[in-house]
């Protein structure tokens, strides 16, 4: 049985977040990397996102963004 806190791929390709994080982002209408980047510094203000979850989302966003950069 899957754990609610396990990371899952969701509607934003390349990101792996816990199911509850995807549910909150979906409820807030955040469905693209650009939308997520635009609100990344204010995630804690969203209902259902605490400081730890906000940091987890920012870390995953940074990981995905850095993996998209072309190597030198």
PDB file of N, CA and C in Angstrom:
ATOM      1  N   UNK A   1       0.841  -1.180   0.000  1.00  0.00           N
ATOM      2  CA  UNK A   1       0.000   0.000   0.000  1.00  0.00           C
ATOM      3  C   UNK A   1       0.888   1.245   0.000  1.00  0.00           C
ATOM      4  N   UNK A   2       0.651   2.207  -0.917  1.00  0.00           N
ATOM      5  CA  UNK A   2       1.496   3.394  -0.984  1.00  0.00           C
ATOM      6  C   UNK A   2       1.336   4.282   0.250  1.00  0.00           C
ATOM      7  N   UNK A   3       2.413   4.878   0.635  1.00  0.00           N
ATOM      8  CA  UNK A   3       2.419   5.806   1.763  1.00  0.00           C
ATOM      9  C   UNK A   3       2.009   7.189   1.275  1.00  0.00           C
ATOM     10  N   UNK A   4       1.151   7.850   2.029  1.00  0.00           N
ATOM     11  CA  UNK A   4       0.671   9.192   1.684  1.00  0.00           C
ATOM     12  C   UNK A   4       1.819  10.177   1.546  1.00  0.00           C
ATOM     13  N   UNK A   5       2.933   9.931   2.224  1.00  0.00           N
ATOM     14  CA  UNK A   5       4.055  10.859   2.230  1.00  0.00           C
ATOM     15  C   UNK A   5       5.121  10.515   1.188  1.00  0.00           C
ATOM     16  N   UNK A   6       4.987   9.389   0.491  1.00  0.00           N
ATOM     17  CA  UNK A   6       5.945   9.042  -0.553  1.00  0.00           C
ATOM     18  C   UNK A   6       5.859  10.053  -1.688  1.00  0.00           C
ATOM     19  N   UNK A   7       6.991  10.260  -2.364  1.00  0.00           N
ATOM     20  CA  UNK A   7       7.019  11.186  -3.496  1.00  0.00           C
ATOM     21  C   UNK A   7       6.374  10.532  -4.712  1.00  0.00           C
ATOM     22  N   UNK A   8       5.608  11.319  -5.430  1.00  0.00           N
ATOM     23  CA  UNK A   8       4.902  10.863  -6.622  1.00  0.00           C
ATOM     24  C   UNK A   8       5.096  11.878  -7.731  1.00  0.00           C
ATOM     25  N   UNK A   9       5.126  11.383  -8.959  1.00  0.00           N
ATOM     26  CA  UNK A   9       5.092  12.300 -10.082  1.00  0.00           C
ATOM     27  C   UNK A   9       3.671  12.815 -10.193  1.00  0.00           C
ATOM     28  N   UNK A  10       3.556  14.051 -10.573  1.00  0.00           N
ATOM     29  CA  UNK A  10       2.240  14.665 -10.687  1.00  0.00           C
ATOM     30  C   UNK A  10       2.093  15.389 -12.002  1.00  0.00           C
ATOM     31  N   UNK A  11       1.228  16.364 -12.051  1.00  0.00           N
ATOM     32  CA  UNK A  11       0.934  17.057 -13.307  1.00  0.00           C
ATOM     33  C   UNK A  11       2.059  17.955 -13.807  1.00  0.00           C
ATOM     34  N   UNK A  12       3.025  18.268 -12.956  1.00  0.00           N
ATOM     35  CA  UNK A  12       4.156  19.084 -13.393  1.00  0.00           C
ATOM     36  C   UNK A  12       5.309  18.122 -13.671  1.00  0.00           C
ATOM     37  N   UNK A  13       5.627  17.911 -14.943  1.00  0.00           N
ATOM     38  CA  UNK A  13       6.650  16.926 -15.300  1.00  0.00           C
ATOM     39  C   UNK A  13       7.984  17.177 -14.596  1.00  0.00           C
ATOM     40  N   UNK A  14       8.584  16.084 -14.113  1.00  0.00           N
ATOM     41  CA  UNK A  14       9.896  16.147 -13.493  1.00  0.00           C
ATOM     42  C   UNK A  14       9.900  16.338 -11.999  1.00  0.00           C
ATOM     43  N   UNK A  15       8.793  16.813 -11.436  1.00  0.00           N
ATOM     44  CA  UNK A  15       8.725  17.012  -9.986  1.00  0.00           C
ATOM     45  C   UNK A  15       8.176  15.769  -9.312  1.00  0.00           C
ATOM     46  N   UNK A  16       8.747  15.433  -8.173  1.00  0.00           N
ATOM     47  CA  UNK A  16       8.259  14.316  -7.360  1.00  0.00           C
ATOM     48  C   UNK A  16       7.976  14.862  -5.967  1.00  0.00           C
ATOM     49  N   UNK A  17       6.698  14.908  -5.634  1.00  0.00           N
ATOM     50  CA  UNK A  17       6.250  15.481  -4.366  1.00  0.00           C
ATOM     51  C   UNK A  17       5.299  14.514  -3.674  1.00  0.00           C
ATOM     52  N   UNK A  18       5.155  14.653  -2.364  1.00  0.00           N
ATOM     53  CA  UNK A  18       4.152  13.845  -1.668  1.00  0.00           C
ATOM     54  C   UNK A  18       2.754  14.149  -2.225  1.00  0.00           C
ATOM     55  N   UNK A  19       1.909  13.155  -2.166  1.00  0.00           N
ATOM     56  CA  UNK A  19       0.552  13.296  -2.707  1.00  0.00           C
ATOM     57  C   UNK A  19      -0.163  14.525  -2.132  1.00  0.00           C
ATOM     58  N   UNK A  20      -0.027  14.753  -0.805  1.00  0.00           N
ATOM     59  CA  UNK A  20      -0.747  15.893  -0.215  1.00  0.00           C
ATOM     60  C   UNK A  20      -0.243  17.218  -0.790  1.00  0.00           C
ATOM     61  N   UNK A  21       1.037  17.307  -1.156  1.00  0.00           N
ATOM     62  CA  UNK A  21       1.551  18.545  -1.760  1.00  0.00           C
ATOM     63  C   UNK A  21       0.921  18.764  -3.130  1.00  0.00           C
ATOM     64  N   UNK A  22       0.810  17.680  -3.914  1.00  0.00           N
ATOM     65  CA  UNK A  22       0.147  17.789  -5.210  1.00  0.00           C
ATOM     66  C   UNK A  22      -1.307  18.227  -5.039  1.00  0.00           C
ATOM     67  N   UNK A  23      -1.966  17.681  -4.024  1.00  0.00           N
ATOM     68  CA  UNK A  23      -3.373  18.032  -3.799  1.00  0.00           C
ATOM     69  C   UNK A  23      -3.521  19.517  -3.478  1.00  0.00           C
ATOM     70  N   UNK A  24      -2.629  20.046  -2.645  1.00  0.00           N
ATOM     71  CA  UNK A  24      -2.687  21.468  -2.298  1.00  0.00           C
ATOM     72  C   UNK A  24      -2.395  22.322  -3.535  1.00  0.00           C
ATOM     73  N   UNK A  25      -1.345  21.975  -4.279  1.00  0.00           N
ATOM     74  CA  UNK A  25      -1.011  22.756  -5.475  1.00  0.00           C
ATOM     75  C   UNK A  25      -2.170  22.727  -6.472  1.00  0.00           C
ATOM     76  N   UNK A  26      -2.766  21.561  -6.664  1.00  0.00           N
ATOM     77  CA  UNK A  26      -3.905  21.448  -7.567  1.00  0.00           C
ATOM     78  C   UNK A  26      -5.063  22.336  -7.095  1.00  0.00           C
ATOM     79  N   UNK A  27      -5.341  22.292  -5.811  1.00  0.00           N
ATOM     80  CA  UNK A  27      -6.416  23.112  -5.245  1.00  0.00           C
ATOM     81  C   UNK A  27      -6.179  24.601  -5.407  1.00  0.00           C
ATOM     82  N   UNK A  28      -4.902  24.977  -5.469  1.00  0.00           N
ATOM     83  CA  UNK A  28      -4.544  26.382  -5.660  1.00  0.00           C
ATOM     84  C   UNK A  28      -4.430  26.747  -7.143  1.00  0.00           C
ATOM     85  N   UNK A  29      -4.650  25.772  -8.023  1.00  0.00           N
ATOM     86  CA  UNK A  29      -4.590  26.031  -9.462  1.00  0.00           C
ATOM     87  C   UNK A  29      -3.178  26.113 -10.014  1.00  0.00           C
ATOM     88  N   UNK A  30      -2.213  25.573  -9.287  1.00  0.00           N
ATOM     89  CA  UNK A  30      -0.814  25.607  -9.717  1.00  0.00           C
ATOM     90  C   UNK A  30      -0.537  24.314 -10.470  1.00  0.00           C
ATOM     91  N   UNK A  31      -0.388  24.433 -11.802  1.00  0.00           N
ATOM     92  CA  UNK A  31      -0.243  23.250 -12.642  1.00  0.00           C
ATOM     93  C   UNK A  31       0.966  23.294 -13.569  1.00  0.00           C
ATOM     94  N   UNK A  32       1.781  24.362 -13.485  1.00  0.00           N
ATOM     95  CA  UNK A  32       2.960  24.465 -14.344  1.00  0.00           C
ATOM     96  C   UNK A  32       4.172  24.886 -13.514  1.00  0.00           C
ATOM     97  N   UNK A  33       5.363  24.619 -14.052  1.00  0.00           N
ATOM     98  CA  UNK A  33       6.595  25.061 -13.384  1.00  0.00           C
ATOM     99  C   UNK A  33       6.623  26.569 -13.236  1.00  0.00           C
ATOM    100  N   UNK A  34       6.211  27.289 -14.264  1.00  0.00           N
ATOM    101  CA  UNK A  34       6.217  28.759 -14.190  1.00  0.00           C
ATOM    102  C   UNK A  34       5.306  29.266 -13.081  1.00  0.00           C
ATOM    103  N   UNK A  35       4.122  28.677 -12.940  1.00  0.00           N
ATOM    104  CA  UNK A  35       3.221  29.079 -11.858  1.00  0.00           C
ATOM    105  C   UNK A  35       3.842  28.779 -10.503  1.00  0.00           C
ATOM    106  N   UNK A  36       4.478  27.618 -10.389  1.00  0.00           N
ATOM    107  CA  UNK A  36       5.098  27.238  -9.121  1.00  0.00           C
ATOM    108  C   UNK A  36       6.269  28.155  -8.793  1.00  0.00           C
ATOM    109  N   UNK A  37       7.084  28.471  -9.777  1.00  0.00           N
ATOM    110  CA  UNK A  37       8.203  29.409  -9.545  1.00  0.00           C
ATOM    111  C   UNK A  37       7.690  30.765  -9.068  1.00  0.00           C
ATOM    112  N   UNK A  38       6.567  31.205  -9.633  1.00  0.00           N
ATOM    113  CA  UNK A  38       6.026  32.526  -9.299  1.00  0.00           C
ATOM    114  C   UNK A  38       5.582  32.627  -7.843  1.00  0.00           C
ATOM    115  N   UNK A  39       5.197  31.508  -7.236  1.00  0.00           N
ATOM    116  CA  UNK A  39       4.696  31.541  -5.855  1.00  0.00           C
ATOM    117  C   UNK A  39       5.630  30.851  -4.868  1.00  0.00           C
ATOM    118  N   UNK A  40       6.775  30.373  -5.334  1.00  0.00           N
ATOM    119  CA  UNK A  40       7.659  29.555  -4.500  1.00  0.00           C
ATOM    120  C   UNK A  40       8.070  30.243  -3.210  1.00  0.00           C
ATOM    121  N   UNK A  41       8.255  31.548  -3.228  1.00  0.00           N
ATOM    122  CA  UNK A  41       8.691  32.239  -2.013  1.00  0.00           C
ATOM    123  C   UNK A  41       7.541  32.538  -1.054  1.00  0.00           C
ATOM    124  N   UNK A  42       6.322  32.190  -1.443  1.00  0.00           N
ATOM    125  CA  UNK A  42       5.161  32.462  -0.594  1.00  0.00           C
ATOM    126  C   UNK A  42       4.333  31.204  -0.319  1.00  0.00           C
ATOM    127  N   UNK A  43       4.936  30.036  -0.483  1.00  0.00           N
ATOM    128  CA  UNK A  43       4.185  28.789  -0.323  1.00  0.00           C
ATOM    129  C   UNK A  43       3.581  28.629   1.062  1.00  0.00           C
ATOM    130  N   UNK A  44       4.273  29.092   2.102  1.00  0.00           N
ATOM    131  CA  UNK A  44       3.768  28.935   3.468  1.00  0.00           C
ATOM    132  C   UNK A  44       2.456  29.673   3.692  1.00  0.00           C
ATOM    133  N   UNK A  45       2.153  30.628   2.848  1.00  0.00           N
ATOM    134  CA  UNK A  45       0.911  31.395   2.982  1.00  0.00           C
ATOM    135  C   UNK A  45      -0.285  30.659   2.384  1.00  0.00           C
ATOM    136  N   UNK A  46      -0.021  29.574   1.672  1.00  0.00           N
ATOM    137  CA  UNK A  46      -1.093  28.783   1.074  1.00  0.00           C
ATOM    138  C   UNK A  46      -1.689  27.848   2.125  1.00  0.00           C
ATOM    139  N   UNK A  47      -3.006  27.740   2.175  1.00  0.00           N
ATOM    140  CA  UNK A  47      -3.624  26.814   3.133  1.00  0.00           C
ATOM    141  C   UNK A  47      -3.143  25.383   2.902  1.00  0.00           C
ATOM    142  N   UNK A  48      -2.744  24.719   3.962  1.00  0.00           N
ATOM    143  CA  UNK A  48      -2.324  23.333   3.870  1.00  0.00           C
ATOM    144  C   UNK A  48      -0.841  23.124   3.643  1.00  0.00           C
ATOM    145  N   UNK A  49      -0.083  24.213   3.495  1.00  0.00           N
ATOM    146  CA  UNK A  49       1.364  24.092   3.287  1.00  0.00           C
ATOM    147  C   UNK A  49       2.080  24.743   4.461  1.00  0.00           C
ATOM    148  N   UNK A  50       2.760  23.921   5.221  1.00  0.00           N
ATOM    149  CA  UNK A  50       3.564  24.411   6.333  1.00  0.00           C
ATOM    150  C   UNK A  50       4.996  24.661   5.881  1.00  0.00           C
ATOM    151  N   UNK A  51       5.847  25.126   6.795  1.00  0.00           N
ATOM    152  CA  UNK A  51       7.229  25.451   6.439  1.00  0.00           C
ATOM    153  C   UNK A  51       8.019  24.261   5.887  1.00  0.00           C
ATOM    154  N   UNK A  52       7.838  23.082   6.452  1.00  0.00           N
ATOM    155  CA  UNK A  52       8.593  21.918   5.978  1.00  0.00           C
ATOM    156  C   UNK A  52       8.156  21.513   4.573  1.00  0.00           C
ATOM    157  N   UNK A  53       6.862  21.507   4.342  1.00  0.00           N
ATOM    158  CA  UNK A  53       6.368  21.159   3.007  1.00  0.00           C
ATOM    159  C   UNK A  53       6.778  22.214   1.997  1.00  0.00           C
ATOM    160  N   UNK A  54       6.717  23.474   2.379  1.00  0.00           N
ATOM    161  CA  UNK A  54       7.136  24.547   1.477  1.00  0.00           C
ATOM    162  C   UNK A  54       8.603  24.377   1.093  1.00  0.00           C
ATOM    163  N   UNK A  55       9.444  24.043   2.067  1.00  0.00           N
ATOM    164  CA  UNK A  55      10.869  23.854   1.770  1.00  0.00           C
ATOM    165  C   UNK A  55      11.078  22.628   0.886  1.00  0.00           C
ATOM    166  N   UNK A  56      10.341  21.572   1.137  1.00  0.00           N
ATOM    167  CA  UNK A  56      10.429  20.373   0.309  1.00  0.00           C
ATOM    168  C   UNK A  56      10.072  20.702  -1.143  1.00  0.00           C
ATOM    169  N   UNK A  57       9.004  21.471  -1.342  1.00  0.00           N
ATOM    170  CA  UNK A  57       8.594  21.859  -2.696  1.00  0.00           C
ATOM    171  C   UNK A  57       9.669  22.734  -3.337  1.00  0.00           C
ATOM    172  N   UNK A  58      10.208  23.696  -2.596  1.00  0.00           N
ATOM    173  CA  UNK A  58      11.266  24.560  -3.149  1.00  0.00           C
ATOM    174  C   UNK A  58      12.519  23.757  -3.506  1.00  0.00           C
ATOM    175  N   UNK A  59      12.883  22.803  -2.649  1.00  0.00           N
ATOM    176  CA  UNK A  59      14.049  21.961  -2.933  1.00  0.00           C
ATOM    177  C   UNK A  59      13.833  21.142  -4.202  1.00  0.00           C
ATOM    178  N   UNK A  60      12.659  20.582  -4.351  1.00  0.00           N
ATOM    179  CA  UNK A  60      12.353  19.781  -5.534  1.00  0.00           C
ATOM    180  C   UNK A  60      12.302  20.665  -6.779  1.00  0.00           C
ATOM    181  N   UNK A  61      11.770  21.865  -6.652  1.00  0.00           N
ATOM    182  CA  UNK A  61      11.745  22.809  -7.763  1.00  0.00           C
ATOM    183  C   UNK A  61      13.168  23.185  -8.177  1.00  0.00           C
ATOM    184  N   UNK A  62      14.034  23.427  -7.209  1.00  0.00           N
ATOM    185  CA  UNK A  62      15.438  23.756  -7.509  1.00  0.00           C
ATOM    186  C   UNK A  62      16.139  22.580  -8.178  1.00  0.00           C
ATOM    187  N   UNK A  63      15.883  21.360  -7.698  1.00  0.00           N
ATOM    188  CA  UNK A  63      16.485  20.176  -8.301  1.00  0.00           C
ATOM    189  C   UNK A  63      16.063  20.033  -9.754  1.00  0.00           C
ATOM    190  N   UNK A  64      14.786  20.190 -10.006  1.00  0.00           N
ATOM    191  CA  UNK A  64      14.278  20.056 -11.373  1.00  0.00           C
ATOM    192  C   UNK A  64      14.830  21.169 -12.264  1.00  0.00           C
ATOM    193  N   UNK A  65      14.886  22.377 -11.765  1.00  0.00           N
ATOM    194  CA  UNK A  65      15.390  23.495 -12.552  1.00  0.00           C
ATOM    195  C   UNK A  65      16.866  23.283 -12.904  1.00  0.00           C
ATOM    196  N   UNK A  66      17.656  22.823 -11.934  1.00  0.00           N
ATOM    197  CA  UNK A  66      19.080  22.604 -12.201  1.00  0.00           C
ATOM    198  C   UNK A  66      19.298  21.430 -13.145  1.00  0.00           C
ATOM    199  N   UNK A  67      18.416  20.432 -13.126  1.00  0.00           N
ATOM    200  CA  UNK A  67      18.580  19.286 -14.023  1.00  0.00           C
ATOM    201  C   UNK A  67      18.235  19.644 -15.459  1.00  0.00           C
ATOM    202  N   UNK A  68      17.503  20.708 -15.670  1.00  0.00           N
ATOM    203  CA  UNK A  68      17.138  21.137 -17.011  1.00  0.00           C
ATOM    204  C   UNK A  68      18.232  21.962 -17.691  1.00  0.00           C
ATOM    205  N   UNK A  69      19.177  22.468 -16.894  1.00  0.00           N
ATOM    206  CA  UNK A  69      20.249  23.272 -17.476  1.00  0.00           C
ATOM    207  C   UNK A  69      21.178  22.371 -18.269  1.00  0.00           C
ATOM    208  N   UNK A  70      21.589  22.862 -19.411  1.00  0.00           N
ATOM    209  CA  UNK A  70      22.499  22.088 -20.256  1.00  0.00           C
ATOM    210  C   UNK A  70      23.892  22.078 -19.650  1.00  0.00           C
ATOM    211  N   UNK A  71      24.582  20.927 -19.711  1.00  0.00           N
ATOM    212  CA  UNK A  71      25.952  20.884 -19.185  1.00  0.00           C
ATOM    213  C   UNK A  71      26.882  21.747 -20.023  1.00  0.00           C
ATOM    214  N   UNK A  72      27.937  22.245 -19.387  1.00  0.00           N
ATOM    215  CA  UNK A  72      28.909  23.083 -20.115  1.00  0.00           C
ATOM    216  C   UNK A  72      29.707  22.292 -21.116  1.00  0.00           C
TER     217      UNK A  72
END
